[in-house]
Amino acid sequence: MKKIIALLMIGALLSGCATANATTKVNINTNVDGAKVVVDGRILGQTPINSVEIKNSSGARNYPVIIEKEGYKIYHGNLEQEDKMGAIVAVIIGYSFCWLLLPALLLFNAQYVRGPVPDQYFYLEAAD
């Protein structure tokens, strides 16, 4: 029984950490091809962009995006985000076995993990 409890505690610890350090493969597209895309200060290339890896984060974090193309207004915004499954799994494991885990351990394990939505689409407006 002690071995099972130890394995569950280790699994609960690792599930939250692995997701926070994971990446999401993101596709970025706009209504015009060939627009330059910069995410979080990193130049990703020109649209359409397929399967670029962007790191998930624990807690609230924005992924600032700048998109520009000659003849269009520069777009400033953020990537759309979503909750990642690993965070939900960590919370379920933590709360299911909370009678086994120390409260502090549960708080660190069940961190709030978010990351970008895999398919991003942006609309560029024509310049005046």
Protein backbone atom coordinates (compact mmCIF):
# COMPACT_ATOMS: atom_id res chain seq x y z
CA MET A 1 0.00 0.00 0.00
CA LYS A 2 2.87 2.39 0.79
CA LYS A 3 4.35 1.79 -2.67
CA ILE A 4 1.04 2.66 -4.33
CA ILE A 5 0.74 5.87 -2.32
CA ALA A 6 4.33 6.83 -3.19
CA LEU A 7 3.73 6.19 -6.91
CA LEU A 8 0.52 8.24 -6.87
CA MET A 9 2.30 11.15 -5.20
CA ILE A 10 5.15 11.06 -7.72
CA GLY A 11 2.68 10.85 -10.63
CA ALA A 12 0.70 13.79 -9.28
CA LEU A 13 3.87 15.88 -8.96
CA LEU A 14 5.10 15.10 -12.45
CA SER A 15 1.78 15.62 -14.24
CA GLY A 16 1.63 19.35 -13.43
CA CYS A 17 5.29 20.03 -14.14
CA ALA A 18 5.37 18.24 -17.48
CA THR A 19 2.48 20.25 -18.89
CA ALA A 20 3.82 23.61 -17.76
CA ASN A 21 7.06 22.94 -19.65
CA ALA A 22 5.35 21.52 -22.75
CA THR A 23 4.75 23.32 -26.00
CA THR A 24 1.78 23.70 -28.31
CA LYS A 25 2.14 23.44 -32.09
CA VAL A 26 0.46 26.54 -33.48
CA ASN A 27 -0.71 27.44 -37.00
CA ILE A 28 -0.99 31.17 -37.69
CA ASN A 29 -2.86 32.55 -40.70
CA THR A 30 -4.25 35.87 -41.89
CA ASN A 31 -6.60 37.05 -44.61
CA VAL A 32 -3.51 37.95 -46.71
CA ASP A 33 -0.54 35.69 -47.40
CA GLY A 34 3.00 36.87 -46.76
CA ALA A 35 2.37 38.90 -43.61
CA LYS A 36 5.34 39.05 -41.20
CA VAL A 37 4.52 37.52 -37.78
CA VAL A 38 6.31 38.29 -34.52
CA VAL A 39 5.20 36.45 -31.35
CA ASP A 40 6.65 37.39 -27.97
CA GLY A 41 9.52 39.25 -29.68
CA ARG A 42 10.42 36.24 -31.87
CA ILE A 43 10.10 36.54 -35.67
CA LEU A 44 8.26 33.43 -36.84
CA GLY A 45 8.20 34.18 -40.57
CA GLN A 46 5.43 34.96 -43.04
CA THR A 47 1.88 33.68 -43.14
CA PRO A 48 0.73 31.03 -43.43
CA ILE A 49 2.84 29.63 -40.57
CA ASN A 50 2.39 25.95 -39.72
CA SER A 51 3.34 23.96 -36.62
CA VAL A 52 5.51 26.50 -34.83
CA GLU A 53 6.12 25.41 -31.21
CA ILE A 54 5.14 27.91 -28.53
CA LYS A 55 5.78 27.18 -24.86
CA ASN A 56 2.84 26.77 -22.48
CA SER A 57 2.91 28.75 -19.25
CA SER A 58 1.79 28.29 -15.70
CA GLY A 59 -0.36 31.15 -14.53
CA ALA A 60 -1.65 34.13 -16.45
CA ARG A 61 0.63 35.07 -19.33
CA ASN A 62 0.05 36.85 -22.62
CA TYR A 63 1.62 35.93 -25.93
CA PRO A 64 1.94 39.32 -27.68
CA VAL A 65 1.70 39.19 -31.46
CA ILE A 66 2.56 41.78 -34.12
CA ILE A 67 1.57 41.16 -37.72
CA GLU A 68 2.52 43.51 -40.54
CA LYS A 69 2.36 43.66 -44.31
CA GLU A 70 2.86 46.57 -46.64
CA GLY A 71 -0.45 48.18 -47.55
CA TYR A 72 -2.15 46.99 -44.31
CA LYS A 73 -2.45 48.37 -40.79
CA ILE A 74 -0.07 46.79 -38.29
CA TYR A 75 -1.91 44.36 -36.02
CA HIS A 76 -1.03 44.42 -32.30
CA GLY A 77 -2.71 41.89 -30.02
CA ASN A 78 -2.28 38.57 -28.26
CA LEU A 79 -2.57 34.94 -29.27
CA GLU A 80 -5.83 33.33 -28.20
CA GLN A 81 -5.25 30.99 -25.23
CA GLU A 82 -6.87 27.94 -23.67
CA ASP A 83 -6.53 25.78 -20.56
CA LYS A 84 -4.35 22.75 -21.15
CA MET A 85 -5.46 19.22 -20.24
CA GLY A 86 -2.49 18.54 -17.96
CA ALA A 87 -3.69 21.18 -15.52
CA ILE A 88 -7.10 19.56 -15.30
CA VAL A 89 -5.53 16.12 -14.78
CA ALA A 90 -3.28 17.51 -12.04
CA VAL A 91 -6.26 19.04 -10.24
CA ILE A 92 -8.28 15.81 -10.46
CA ILE A 93 -5.38 13.71 -9.18
CA GLY A 94 -4.61 16.23 -6.46
CA TYR A 95 -8.18 16.51 -5.20
CA SER A 96 -8.89 12.80 -5.55
CA PHE A 97 -5.99 11.97 -3.29
CA CYS A 98 -5.89 15.14 -1.19
CA TRP A 99 -6.22 13.08 1.95
CA LEU A 100 -2.81 11.61 1.02
CA LEU A 101 -1.04 14.79 0.00
CA LEU A 102 0.10 17.73 2.01
CA PRO A 103 -1.97 20.86 1.23
CA ALA A 104 1.12 22.78 0.13
CA LEU A 105 2.09 20.00 -2.26
CA LEU A 106 -1.39 20.12 -3.77
CA LEU A 107 -1.16 23.87 -4.36
CA PHE A 108 2.16 23.57 -6.19
CA ASN A 109 1.01 20.56 -8.21
CA ALA A 110 -2.31 21.91 -9.46
CA GLN A 111 -0.88 24.96 -11.13
CA TYR A 112 -2.93 26.79 -13.68
CA VAL A 113 -1.50 25.87 -17.08
CA ARG A 114 -2.46 27.78 -20.22
CA GLY A 115 -1.12 27.89 -23.72
CA PRO A 116 -1.99 29.13 -27.16
CA VAL A 117 -4.90 27.72 -29.15
CA PRO A 118 -3.44 25.55 -31.97
CA ASP A 119 -5.16 27.41 -34.84
CA GLN A 120 -4.87 31.21 -34.84
CA TYR A 121 -6.44 33.52 -37.46
CA PHE A 122 -5.98 37.26 -37.72
CA TYR A 123 -7.67 39.81 -39.97
CA LEU A 124 -5.52 42.63 -41.34
CA GLU A 125 -7.25 45.87 -42.36
CA ALA A 126 -6.16 47.76 -45.45
CA ALA A 127 -4.18 50.93 -44.72
CA ASP A 128 -5.92 54.28 -45.25
